[in-house]
C-alpha cells in the first residue's frame, strides 16, 4: 500500500512568508515550509503536496478536488479564516465526506487583533492548531497519520 496523499493548502499572503511580518510569522519562507512538510510526510508515510494561493476561488476548488479525490486537508486559510463563507462551505464538504480537515495557523489568532479571533473554518474543521509556527503543520500531519 502506498503513502496516503495529503494536501496542505495555504491562503492569501502566505506566499510572502519570510518577508511579511517576520516577527509574527518567522523568517522561513514557503519553500522551507514545503521542504519541511515533505520531510515530515516521508517520516509519517504520507505523500504531502503543499499549495498556496491568494485566490479564494482557487482555494475553494482545491477543497472540491480533495473531496473528489478522497484526500485529507491541512488548511491554513490565512485571511479567509475570518470571512470566507464560500471557503467554509467548501471545507464542510471535506469533513462531510468523512475526510480530515485540520485548520492550522502559524500565529495564534486569539492573541492578536480582535478581527482575527473569529474563524468561519474552526466550526467545520476536524481540529485546529494555532500558535506553534511551522511545527503546527507537523502536528496536523501527525494527526492525519494517526487517524489512518
Protein backbone atom coordinates (compact mmCIF):
# COMPACT_ATOMS: atom_id res chain seq x y z
CA UNK A 1 0.00 0.00 0.00
CA UNK A 2 1.35 3.43 -0.99
CA UNK A 3 1.59 6.54 1.12
CA UNK A 4 -1.66 8.33 1.86
CA UNK A 5 -1.91 11.58 -0.03
CA UNK A 6 -2.47 14.81 1.96
CA UNK A 7 -2.83 18.30 0.56
CA UNK A 8 -1.56 21.27 2.57
CA UNK A 9 -3.38 24.42 1.42
CA UNK A 10 -2.20 27.90 2.32
CA UNK A 11 -4.28 31.00 1.73
CA UNK A 12 -3.53 34.63 0.93
CA UNK A 13 -0.21 36.29 1.68
CA UNK A 14 1.42 33.06 2.84
CA UNK A 15 3.48 33.15 -0.34
CA UNK A 16 5.18 36.11 1.37
CA UNK A 17 6.40 34.07 4.34
CA UNK A 18 9.86 35.12 5.40
CA UNK A 19 9.39 38.74 4.33
CA UNK A 20 5.91 39.60 5.62
CA UNK A 21 5.83 40.36 9.36
CA UNK A 22 8.70 38.03 10.28
CA UNK A 23 8.18 38.91 13.95
CA UNK A 24 4.76 37.22 13.65
CA UNK A 25 5.33 34.52 11.01
CA UNK A 26 9.07 33.89 11.32
CA UNK A 27 11.93 34.19 8.84
CA UNK A 28 11.42 30.93 6.92
CA UNK A 29 9.70 31.10 3.55
CA UNK A 30 7.12 28.97 1.75
CA UNK A 31 9.82 26.85 0.13
CA UNK A 32 11.15 25.98 3.59
CA UNK A 33 7.61 25.01 4.63
CA UNK A 34 7.32 22.82 1.51
CA UNK A 35 10.61 21.13 2.33
CA UNK A 36 9.63 20.53 5.96
CA UNK A 37 6.20 19.16 5.04
CA UNK A 38 7.79 16.82 2.50
CA UNK A 39 10.27 15.62 5.13
CA UNK A 40 7.59 15.17 7.80
CA UNK A 41 5.31 13.43 5.32
CA UNK A 42 8.06 10.96 4.42
CA UNK A 43 8.64 10.23 8.12
CA UNK A 44 4.90 9.66 8.64
CA UNK A 45 4.25 7.64 5.47
CA UNK A 46 2.31 10.48 3.83
CA UNK A 47 2.60 11.89 0.32
CA UNK A 48 2.29 15.63 1.01
CA UNK A 49 1.62 18.32 -1.57
CA UNK A 50 1.90 21.94 -0.39
CA UNK A 51 -0.07 24.60 -2.26
CA UNK A 52 -0.55 28.35 -1.79
CA UNK A 53 -2.90 30.81 -3.45
CA UNK A 54 -4.07 34.36 -2.91
CA UNK A 55 -7.16 33.49 -4.99
CA UNK A 56 -10.21 32.46 -2.96
CA UNK A 57 -11.79 30.62 -5.89
CA UNK A 58 -8.67 28.52 -6.38
CA UNK A 59 -8.59 27.52 -2.70
CA UNK A 60 -12.28 26.59 -2.90
CA UNK A 61 -11.60 24.45 -5.98
CA UNK A 62 -8.81 22.68 -4.09
CA UNK A 63 -11.34 21.74 -1.38
CA UNK A 64 -13.65 20.32 -4.07
CA UNK A 65 -10.76 18.36 -5.55
CA UNK A 66 -9.85 16.98 -2.13
CA UNK A 67 -13.39 15.64 -1.79
CA UNK A 68 -13.38 14.18 -5.29
CA UNK A 69 -10.00 12.50 -4.70
CA UNK A 70 -10.69 11.49 -1.04
CA UNK A 71 -7.71 13.48 0.18
CA UNK A 72 -7.33 14.79 3.76
CA UNK A 73 -6.53 18.50 4.04
CA UNK A 74 -4.30 20.67 6.20
CA UNK A 75 -5.66 24.19 5.70
CA UNK A 76 -4.15 27.49 6.70
CA UNK A 77 -6.91 29.74 5.40
CA UNK A 78 -5.00 32.90 6.44
CA UNK A 79 -7.24 35.97 5.99
CA UNK A 80 -10.00 33.77 4.53
CA UNK A 81 -10.35 32.39 8.08
CA UNK A 82 -12.39 35.36 9.20
CA UNK A 83 -14.90 35.93 6.44
CA UNK A 84 -14.90 33.40 3.60
CA UNK A 85 -18.24 31.65 3.80
CA UNK A 86 -17.55 30.22 0.35
CA UNK A 87 -14.42 28.51 1.68
CA UNK A 88 -16.30 27.41 4.79
CA UNK A 89 -18.95 25.76 2.61
CA UNK A 90 -16.28 24.03 0.53
CA UNK A 91 -14.36 22.94 3.65
CA UNK A 92 -17.54 21.49 5.12
CA UNK A 93 -17.78 19.22 2.07
CA UNK A 94 -14.36 17.80 3.03
CA UNK A 95 -15.45 16.87 6.54
CA UNK A 96 -18.93 15.82 5.38
CA UNK A 97 -17.15 13.31 3.13
CA UNK A 98 -15.54 11.82 6.24
CA UNK A 99 -12.12 13.29 5.45
CA UNK A 100 -9.93 15.06 7.99
CA UNK A 101 -9.53 18.80 7.63
CA UNK A 102 -7.06 20.29 10.11
CA UNK A 103 -7.04 24.09 10.37
CA UNK A 104 -3.55 25.46 11.04
CA UNK A 105 -2.34 28.95 11.90
CA UNK A 106 1.32 29.88 12.24
CA UNK A 107 0.49 32.56 14.81
CA UNK A 108 -2.22 32.43 17.46
CA UNK A 109 -5.13 34.46 16.07
CA UNK A 110 -6.78 34.59 19.52
CA UNK A 111 -3.78 36.54 20.83
CA UNK A 112 -3.87 39.12 18.02
CA UNK A 113 -6.24 41.82 16.77
CA UNK A 114 -9.92 41.37 17.59
CA UNK A 115 -10.95 40.77 13.95
CA UNK A 116 -8.62 37.74 13.79
CA UNK A 117 -10.33 35.98 16.70
CA UNK A 118 -13.30 34.74 14.66
CA UNK A 119 -12.92 31.76 12.38
CA UNK A 120 -15.62 30.57 10.00
CA UNK A 121 -13.45 27.47 9.42
CA UNK A 122 -12.96 26.25 13.03
CA UNK A 123 -16.55 25.02 13.48
CA UNK A 124 -16.15 22.88 10.35
CA UNK A 125 -12.59 21.63 10.91
CA UNK A 126 -11.78 18.28 12.44
CA UNK A 127 -9.41 20.24 14.69
CA UNK A 128 -7.43 23.48 14.90
CA UNK A 129 -3.74 24.03 15.69
CA UNK A 130 -2.51 27.59 16.24
CA UNK A 131 0.50 29.45 17.52
CA UNK A 132 3.29 26.91 17.03
CA UNK A 133 4.82 28.29 13.82
CA UNK A 134 5.64 25.73 11.14
CA UNK A 135 5.53 23.00 13.80
CA UNK A 136 1.73 23.29 13.64
CA UNK A 137 1.83 21.73 10.18
CA UNK A 138 3.79 18.78 11.55
CA UNK A 139 1.24 18.34 14.32
CA UNK A 140 -1.55 18.40 11.72
CA UNK A 141 0.21 15.79 9.60
CA UNK A 142 0.77 13.63 12.68
CA UNK A 143 -2.96 13.84 13.49
CA UNK A 144 -3.84 12.71 9.96
CA UNK A 145 -1.27 9.90 10.04
CA UNK A 146 -2.57 8.71 13.42
CA UNK A 147 -6.15 8.54 12.09
CA UNK A 148 -5.30 6.09 9.27
